[in-house]
Amino acid sequence: MTGPAHSADEPSRRPPHAARPIIAIAALLLFALFAALGTWQVQRLRWKLALIDRVEQRVSAPAIAAPGPESWPQVNAADDEYRHVQVTGHWLDEAETAVQASTTLGAGFWVLTPLRQADGSVVLINRGFVPPERRDPAAHSAGGAIPATITGLLRITEPGGGFLRSNDPEANRWYSRDVQAIATARGLPKAAPYFIDADAGPRTDTAPVGGLTVISFHNNHLVYAMTWYTLALMTAWAAWRVMREDRSER
C-alpha cells in the first residue's frame, strides 16, 4: 500500500507541464545574473589586490615633497592617499585641535597641529595619539618657534564626523579629521585639503605617539565571487532537471 501511495503523490509535487518552460527560462536568467555578479566580484578582487599593492609601495617609499597649492585641486584618494610625504614649516600651537580617537593604545585624542610653510600655506599634521589626561595643549607643545620637518602619510580629509556623531566646532568637539571644518574653525586660510599622519618618532612623556595609521582594506571579494558562482551552478542544475523531466514525459 505504501509503494503505490508514494508513486501516486509523486506527480503532484512536480510543477505543471505548461509551467516548466517558464521555470527553466527563469532559472537560466538567474544563472546569467549570478554568473555576471560572480565575474564582477572577480574584477573587484583584482582591483582590490592592485590597490593594496599600490598602497604598500607608497607607504614604504622614501618621503617626497607633499603636494603644494598648485596641485591641491588634483589631490584624491585613488592617486595620493597613503603617499609618504614631507613638509617643513613652523608649528601653530595656538590652533591645535584634538579629535577623538580609538587606537591600539586605547581611547583618547589625535593631536592635529597646523604647520605653516614658507609660502604661507598650512598643512594639518596629525602628530599622534594622546590619552585623555594629556589632552591639554600645554602637555604636548610642538614648539612653534623652531622650524620642523615632518614626514608621514598623506591622508584625505574626513568630512562630516564620526559614526552617528557630527563634529561640533562651536563646542570644540571633533569626531573626525575634517580638514576644511577645522581650518575654518581655527581661522586658517590657504589650508591644504589633506592632512598628514606623522611617522613614529621617539616616545617621550610629552610628545604624541605617531605612526599609528591603520592601513587595512576589507577584501571579501573572493568569497562573494564563489557564492555567486555557486548560486549560478545551482540554478543551472535546476533548469537542467526541469528540462530533462519535460523531455522524458514527452
Protein backbone atom coordinates (compact mmCIF):
# COMPACT_ATOMS: atom_id res chain seq x y z
CA MET A 1 0.00 0.00 0.00
CA THR A 2 2.85 2.34 0.84
CA GLY A 3 4.55 1.96 -2.55
CA PRO A 4 1.56 2.85 -4.74
CA ALA A 5 0.61 5.80 -2.48
CA HIS A 6 4.11 7.23 -2.88
CA SER A 7 4.05 6.94 -6.67
CA ALA A 8 0.60 8.47 -6.81
CA ASP A 9 1.72 11.51 -4.82
CA GLU A 10 4.87 11.98 -6.87
CA PRO A 11 3.32 13.84 -9.86
CA SER A 12 1.60 16.31 -7.54
CA ARG A 13 4.97 17.50 -6.30
CA ARG A 14 6.17 18.27 -9.80
CA PRO A 15 5.42 21.61 -11.49
CA PRO A 16 2.65 21.55 -14.09
CA HIS A 17 3.84 20.64 -17.57
CA ALA A 18 2.95 24.04 -19.03
CA ALA A 19 4.87 25.90 -16.31
CA ARG A 20 8.14 24.01 -16.75
CA PRO A 21 9.46 26.01 -19.72
CA ILE A 22 8.79 29.22 -17.80
CA ILE A 23 10.62 27.85 -14.75
CA ALA A 24 13.55 26.77 -16.92
CA ILE A 25 13.79 30.18 -18.58
CA ALA A 26 13.63 31.95 -15.21
CA ALA A 27 16.38 29.66 -13.90
CA LEU A 28 18.57 30.41 -16.91
CA LEU A 29 18.05 34.14 -16.44
CA LEU A 30 19.06 33.78 -12.78
CA PHE A 31 22.09 31.77 -13.89
CA ALA A 32 23.16 34.63 -16.17
CA LEU A 33 22.62 37.16 -13.38
CA PHE A 34 24.53 35.18 -10.75
CA ALA A 35 27.37 34.45 -13.18
CA ALA A 36 27.63 38.17 -14.03
CA LEU A 37 27.74 39.09 -10.35
CA GLY A 38 30.45 36.50 -9.74
CA THR A 39 32.53 37.88 -12.62
CA TRP A 40 32.06 41.40 -11.28
CA GLN A 41 33.39 40.29 -7.89
CA VAL A 42 36.43 38.72 -9.58
CA GLN A 43 37.09 42.06 -11.25
CA ARG A 44 36.68 43.81 -7.89
CA LEU A 45 39.15 41.34 -6.37
CA ARG A 46 41.76 42.21 -8.98
CA TRP A 47 41.16 45.92 -8.37
CA LYS A 48 41.45 45.49 -4.59
CA LEU A 49 44.68 43.48 -4.83
CA ALA A 50 46.17 46.13 -7.12
CA LEU A 51 45.09 48.85 -4.66
CA ILE A 52 46.70 47.04 -1.73
CA ASP A 53 49.90 46.62 -3.72
CA ARG A 54 49.96 50.34 -4.63
CA VAL A 55 49.40 51.40 -1.03
CA GLU A 56 52.16 49.11 0.25
CA GLN A 57 54.54 50.63 -2.27
CA ARG A 58 53.54 54.18 -1.27
CA VAL A 59 53.95 53.55 2.44
CA SER A 60 57.41 52.01 2.10
CA ALA A 61 58.72 54.51 -0.48
CA PRO A 62 61.08 57.36 0.50
CA ALA A 63 59.28 60.55 1.52
CA ILE A 64 58.64 63.08 -1.26
CA ALA A 65 57.50 66.71 -1.05
CA ALA A 66 53.83 66.99 -0.13
CA PRO A 67 51.57 68.43 -2.86
CA GLY A 68 51.70 72.23 -2.93
CA PRO A 69 48.83 74.68 -3.52
CA GLU A 70 49.13 74.36 -7.29
CA SER A 71 48.42 70.60 -7.00
CA TRP A 72 45.66 70.70 -4.38
CA PRO A 73 42.73 70.53 -6.85
CA GLN A 74 44.08 67.25 -8.22
CA VAL A 75 44.65 65.53 -4.85
CA ASN A 76 42.41 62.48 -4.49
CA ALA A 77 42.26 59.22 -2.57
CA ALA A 78 42.96 56.91 -5.51
CA ASP A 79 46.17 58.66 -6.56
CA ASP A 80 47.51 60.18 -3.36
CA GLU A 81 46.25 58.64 -0.12
CA TYR A 82 48.98 56.98 1.99
CA ARG A 83 51.79 58.55 -0.03
CA HIS A 84 54.90 59.04 2.10
CA VAL A 85 55.42 62.80 2.08
CA GLN A 86 57.47 65.50 3.77
CA VAL A 87 56.78 69.10 4.79
CA THR A 88 58.79 71.81 6.54
CA GLY A 89 57.48 74.80 8.44
CA HIS A 90 56.63 76.33 11.81
CA TRP A 91 54.06 74.93 14.21
CA LEU A 92 50.96 76.94 15.06
CA ASP A 93 50.40 75.59 18.57
CA GLU A 94 47.62 78.04 19.29
CA ALA A 95 45.47 76.44 16.54
CA GLU A 96 45.78 72.85 17.76
CA THR A 97 42.72 70.59 17.52
CA ALA A 98 42.04 67.40 19.48
CA VAL A 99 39.99 64.78 17.63
CA GLN A 100 38.54 61.81 19.46
CA ALA A 101 40.32 58.57 18.62
CA SER A 102 40.24 54.87 19.40
CA THR A 103 43.60 53.17 18.88
CA THR A 104 45.61 50.14 19.93
CA LEU A 105 46.77 52.27 22.85
CA GLY A 106 43.18 52.88 23.99
CA ALA A 107 40.73 55.75 23.72
CA GLY A 108 41.96 59.31 23.60
CA PHE A 109 42.65 62.00 21.03
CA TRP A 110 44.55 62.68 17.84
CA VAL A 111 46.55 65.90 18.12
CA LEU A 112 46.22 67.93 14.91
CA THR A 113 48.57 70.90 14.80
CA PRO A 114 48.85 73.22 11.76
CA LEU A 115 52.26 73.61 10.16
CA ARG A 116 52.78 76.88 8.25
CA GLN A 117 55.17 76.53 5.32
CA ALA A 118 57.42 79.20 3.82
CA ASP A 119 54.86 80.07 1.12
CA GLY A 120 52.21 80.78 3.77
CA SER A 121 50.21 77.61 3.10
CA VAL A 122 49.16 75.46 6.03
CA VAL A 123 49.07 71.69 6.39
CA LEU A 124 47.35 69.96 9.30
CA ILE A 125 49.67 67.44 10.91
CA ASN A 126 48.26 64.59 12.94
CA ARG A 127 51.16 64.45 15.37
CA GLY A 128 49.78 61.33 17.00
CA PHE A 129 47.77 59.98 19.90
CA VAL A 130 47.48 61.23 23.47
CA PRO A 131 45.36 59.75 26.31
CA PRO A 132 42.55 61.87 27.80
CA GLU A 133 44.66 63.08 30.72
CA ARG A 134 47.12 64.69 28.28
CA ARG A 135 44.60 66.47 26.09
CA ASP A 136 45.67 69.91 27.39
CA PRO A 137 47.91 71.51 24.70
CA ALA A 138 50.33 72.57 27.43
CA ALA A 139 51.14 68.88 27.94
CA HIS A 140 52.46 68.36 24.41
CA SER A 141 53.51 71.70 22.88
CA ALA A 142 55.16 71.32 19.48
CA GLY A 143 57.41 74.38 19.93
CA GLY A 144 56.26 76.87 17.31
CA ALA A 145 59.45 78.94 17.22
CA ILE A 146 61.54 76.03 15.99
CA PRO A 147 61.38 75.04 12.28
CA ALA A 148 60.26 71.44 11.90
CA THR A 149 60.49 68.91 9.08
CA ILE A 150 57.77 66.28 9.26
CA THR A 151 57.45 63.04 7.33
CA GLY A 152 54.32 60.96 7.30
CA LEU A 153 51.45 59.56 5.27
CA LEU A 154 49.14 61.80 3.27
CA ARG A 155 45.53 61.30 4.31
CA ILE A 156 42.33 62.52 2.72
CA THR A 157 40.01 64.73 4.74
CA GLU A 158 37.22 63.07 6.75
CA PRO A 159 34.21 65.37 6.47
CA GLY A 160 31.03 65.12 8.48
CA GLY A 161 32.08 63.49 11.72
CA GLY A 162 32.26 60.02 13.18
CA PHE A 163 29.72 57.22 13.40
CA LEU A 164 26.41 58.77 14.50
CA ARG A 165 28.33 61.79 15.83
CA SER A 166 28.66 65.06 13.98
CA ASN A 167 31.54 67.44 14.54
CA ASP A 168 30.56 70.41 16.71
CA PRO A 169 33.05 73.22 16.03
CA GLU A 170 31.31 75.68 18.35
CA ALA A 171 31.67 73.31 21.28
CA ASN A 172 35.14 72.25 20.10
CA ARG A 173 34.08 68.61 19.87
CA TRP A 174 35.63 66.76 16.96
CA TYR A 175 34.99 63.17 15.92
CA SER A 176 36.69 63.14 12.53
CA ARG A 177 39.60 64.90 10.89
CA ASP A 178 37.55 67.24 8.72
CA VAL A 179 40.26 69.49 7.30
CA GLN A 180 38.01 72.21 5.90
CA ALA A 181 35.89 72.47 9.04
CA ILE A 182 38.94 72.57 11.31
CA ALA A 183 40.66 75.19 9.12
CA THR A 184 37.54 77.35 9.19
CA ALA A 185 37.09 76.99 12.94
CA ARG A 186 40.74 77.88 13.57
CA GLY A 187 40.90 80.72 11.04
CA LEU A 188 43.46 79.07 8.80
CA PRO A 189 43.41 80.45 5.25
CA LYS A 190 45.24 78.63 2.47
CA ALA A 191 44.96 75.23 4.16
CA ALA A 192 45.79 72.03 2.25
CA PRO A 193 42.78 69.77 1.53
CA TYR A 194 44.52 66.85 3.22
CA PHE A 195 46.29 66.13 6.48
CA ILE A 196 49.41 64.14 7.27
CA ASP A 197 49.74 61.30 9.77
CA ALA A 198 53.21 61.86 11.22
CA ASP A 199 55.63 58.96 11.27
CA ALA A 200 56.50 57.36 14.58
CA GLY A 201 59.17 59.27 16.49
CA PRO A 202 60.94 58.78 19.79
CA ARG A 203 58.40 58.12 22.53
CA THR A 204 58.54 60.61 25.35
CA ASP A 205 56.25 61.66 28.17
CA THR A 206 55.24 64.83 26.32
CA ALA A 207 55.11 64.00 22.60
CA PRO A 208 52.03 62.44 21.00
CA VAL A 209 52.55 58.89 19.76
CA GLY A 210 52.78 58.89 15.96
CA GLY A 211 52.96 56.10 13.43
CA LEU A 212 49.60 54.58 14.40
CA THR A 213 47.96 54.79 10.98
CA VAL A 214 45.83 51.70 10.41
CA ILE A 215 46.08 50.57 6.80
CA SER A 216 43.54 47.84 6.13
CA PHE A 217 41.19 47.02 3.29
CA HIS A 218 38.22 44.69 3.52
CA ASN A 219 38.77 42.04 0.88
CA ASN A 220 35.90 39.55 0.79
CA HIS A 221 35.53 39.62 -2.98
CA LEU A 222 36.74 36.02 -3.45
CA VAL A 223 34.11 34.74 -1.02
CA TYR A 224 31.43 36.80 -2.74
CA ALA A 225 32.52 35.53 -6.17
CA MET A 226 32.39 31.90 -5.01
CA THR A 227 28.92 32.48 -3.54
CA TRP A 228 27.54 33.95 -6.76
CA TYR A 229 29.11 31.24 -8.92
CA THR A 230 27.69 28.54 -6.62
CA LEU A 231 24.23 30.03 -6.95
CA ALA A 232 24.70 30.15 -10.72
CA LEU A 233 25.56 26.43 -10.80
CA MET A 234 22.60 25.58 -8.59
CA THR A 235 20.15 27.42 -10.83
CA ALA A 236 21.70 25.83 -13.94
CA TRP A 237 21.28 22.41 -12.38
CA ALA A 238 17.66 23.20 -11.50
CA ALA A 239 16.96 24.31 -15.08
CA TRP A 240 18.55 21.13 -16.43
CA ARG A 241 16.40 18.97 -14.13
CA VAL A 242 13.19 20.71 -15.19
CA MET A 243 14.01 20.43 -18.90
CA ARG A 244 15.05 16.79 -18.50
CA GLU A 245 11.74 15.90 -16.84
CA ASP A 246 9.87 17.75 -19.55
CA ARG A 247 11.66 15.80 -22.30
CA SER A 248 11.20 12.46 -20.54
CA GLU A 249 7.44 12.98 -20.17
CA ARG A 250 7.09 13.94 -23.79
